[in-house]
Amino acid sequence: MKKTINSALPQGLEINEIEIIPSGKKSLAASLYGFIYELRLPADMDNDRLEIIKNNIDVFLTSPSFYIPRLSKGVMANKDIRPFIKSIFFDTQEKKIEYTIRFSQKGSLKPLDIIVHVAGFSKAEAENIHVIKTRTILV
């Protein structure tokens, strides 16, 4: 079945695993743990900028909380995004950032939140970063 589905998907999109959820088990939404993303940075990014990004990520990882401004129901509020990030790995050689975010009924994060607030890019620079969701994690 997986092979049949994959043959109909666009290039670059692939089903890695299929599992039947028996009746009586928790719903698909309740089974959702999170996502793994990959951010591919521009190839021409210099070493000084890579070091700044690395330092920004290190600050984030060592912080018990990390607040960003968020518009919610028409009201601007500060949201602690630290609990949503399970891991971040920055490969300076490949110029890519891989991170795992947790999903909860209280919300999640958008890739732009990581790009702008954690890595330190401007919104204009973010347009040059290729975002790939590499995995959906179910529990």
Protein backbone atom coordinates (compact mmCIF):
# COMPACT_ATOMS: atom_id res chain seq x y z
CA MET A 1 0.00 0.00 0.00
CA LYS A 2 2.85 2.41 0.86
CA LYS A 3 4.41 1.89 -2.57
CA THR A 4 1.11 2.63 -4.31
CA ILE A 5 0.59 5.85 -2.35
CA ASN A 6 4.18 7.01 -2.86
CA SER A 7 3.92 6.48 -6.62
CA ALA A 8 1.06 8.99 -6.72
CA LEU A 9 2.78 11.66 -4.61
CA PRO A 10 4.78 14.58 -6.03
CA GLN A 11 8.55 14.23 -6.21
CA GLY A 12 10.15 14.93 -2.84
CA LEU A 13 7.14 13.80 -0.83
CA GLU A 14 7.23 10.27 0.53
CA ILE A 15 5.29 8.19 3.04
CA ASN A 16 7.80 6.45 5.32
CA GLU A 17 5.42 4.51 7.51
CA ILE A 18 1.76 3.56 7.56
CA GLU A 19 0.00 2.29 10.63
CA ILE A 20 -3.64 1.38 11.13
CA ILE A 21 -5.11 2.92 14.24
CA PRO A 22 -7.50 0.37 15.74
CA SER A 23 -10.87 1.53 17.00
CA GLY A 24 -10.78 2.25 20.69
CA LYS A 25 -7.29 3.75 20.43
CA LYS A 26 -6.70 7.46 20.77
CA SER A 27 -7.42 9.61 17.75
CA LEU A 28 -4.81 10.65 15.23
CA ALA A 29 -4.85 14.19 16.65
CA ALA A 30 -4.30 12.86 20.17
CA SER A 31 -1.45 10.70 18.86
CA LEU A 32 0.42 13.66 17.36
CA TYR A 33 3.64 14.36 19.27
CA GLY A 34 5.37 16.82 16.99
CA PHE A 35 7.36 17.46 13.85
CA ILE A 36 10.96 17.49 12.68
CA TYR A 37 11.96 20.34 10.40
CA GLU A 38 15.08 21.12 8.45
CA LEU A 39 16.05 24.68 7.61
CA ARG A 40 18.51 25.00 4.74
CA LEU A 41 20.41 28.25 4.92
CA PRO A 42 21.72 30.10 1.86
CA ALA A 43 24.89 28.48 0.49
CA ASP A 44 26.72 31.82 0.35
CA MET A 45 26.33 32.52 4.08
CA ASP A 46 29.71 33.48 5.55
CA ASN A 47 31.38 31.99 8.62
CA ASP A 48 30.87 35.09 10.75
CA ARG A 49 27.11 34.90 10.25
CA LEU A 50 27.12 31.14 10.91
CA GLU A 51 28.87 31.80 14.22
CA ILE A 52 26.22 34.37 15.20
CA ILE A 53 23.46 31.87 14.41
CA LYS A 54 25.26 29.18 16.43
CA ASN A 55 25.54 31.56 19.39
CA ASN A 56 21.85 32.49 19.11
CA ILE A 57 20.88 28.82 19.17
CA ASP A 58 23.19 28.15 22.13
CA VAL A 59 21.55 31.00 24.07
CA PHE A 60 18.14 29.54 23.28
CA LEU A 61 19.14 26.02 24.34
CA THR A 62 20.55 27.19 27.66
CA SER A 63 17.54 29.36 28.49
CA PRO A 64 14.84 27.87 30.73
CA SER A 65 12.29 30.09 28.97
CA PHE A 66 12.27 32.08 25.74
CA TYR A 67 9.49 34.57 25.10
CA ILE A 68 8.48 35.87 21.69
CA PRO A 69 5.70 38.29 20.72
CA ARG A 70 2.65 36.48 19.34
CA LEU A 71 -0.65 37.76 18.02
CA SER A 72 -3.44 35.66 19.51
CA LYS A 73 -7.11 36.43 18.92
CA GLY A 74 -6.25 39.99 17.96
CA VAL A 75 -4.15 40.63 21.07
CA MET A 76 -0.36 40.84 21.13
CA ALA A 77 1.10 38.73 23.93
CA ASN A 78 4.43 37.20 24.87
CA LYS A 79 4.60 33.42 24.53
CA ASP A 80 7.23 31.13 26.01
CA ILE A 81 8.29 28.91 23.12
CA ARG A 82 11.00 27.00 24.99
CA PRO A 83 8.69 24.13 26.07
CA PHE A 84 7.77 23.47 22.43
CA ILE A 85 11.34 22.79 21.28
CA LYS A 86 12.60 19.31 22.01
CA SER A 87 15.92 19.70 20.19
CA ILE A 88 17.86 21.90 17.79
CA PHE A 89 20.96 20.85 15.92
CA PHE A 90 22.94 23.29 13.78
CA ASP A 91 25.26 21.80 11.16
CA THR A 92 27.54 24.67 10.16
CA GLN A 93 29.26 22.61 7.45
CA GLU A 94 26.01 21.75 5.68
CA LYS A 95 24.48 25.11 6.62
CA LYS A 96 21.31 23.57 7.97
CA ILE A 97 19.36 23.60 11.20
CA GLU A 98 17.31 20.59 12.24
CA TYR A 99 14.82 20.92 15.06
CA THR A 100 12.06 18.93 16.69
CA ILE A 101 8.98 20.72 17.94
CA ARG A 102 6.30 19.36 20.21
CA PHE A 103 2.67 19.79 19.33
CA SER A 104 0.05 20.37 21.99
CA GLN A 105 -3.56 21.43 22.17
CA LYS A 106 -2.22 24.78 23.41
CA GLY A 107 -0.48 25.30 20.10
CA SER A 108 2.82 24.82 18.42
CA LEU A 109 5.43 26.83 16.57
CA LYS A 110 5.80 27.97 13.02
CA PRO A 111 9.13 27.63 11.22
CA LEU A 112 9.26 31.43 10.98
CA ASP A 113 9.32 31.61 14.80
CA ILE A 114 12.54 29.60 14.85
CA ILE A 115 14.09 31.40 11.89
CA VAL A 116 13.44 34.91 13.21
CA HIS A 117 13.39 34.64 16.99
CA VAL A 118 15.85 31.81 17.65
CA ALA A 119 18.30 31.90 14.73
CA GLY A 120 18.11 35.69 14.45
CA PHE A 121 17.19 36.26 10.81
CA SER A 122 15.03 39.15 9.67
CA LYS A 123 11.70 38.35 8.04
CA ALA A 124 13.17 39.45 4.70
CA GLU A 125 16.15 37.11 5.12
CA ALA A 126 13.78 34.29 6.08
CA GLU A 127 12.48 34.25 2.51
CA ASN A 128 15.84 32.79 1.43
CA ILE A 129 15.69 29.87 3.86
CA HIS A 130 14.30 26.60 2.57
CA VAL A 131 11.98 24.94 5.12
CA ILE A 132 11.38 21.19 4.94
CA LYS A 133 9.13 19.21 7.27
CA THR A 134 11.01 15.92 7.33
CA ARG A 135 8.87 13.96 9.74
CA THR A 136 5.61 13.88 11.65
CA ILE A 137 6.03 12.14 15.00
CA LEU A 138 3.18 10.11 16.46
CA VAL A 139 3.07 8.48 19.88
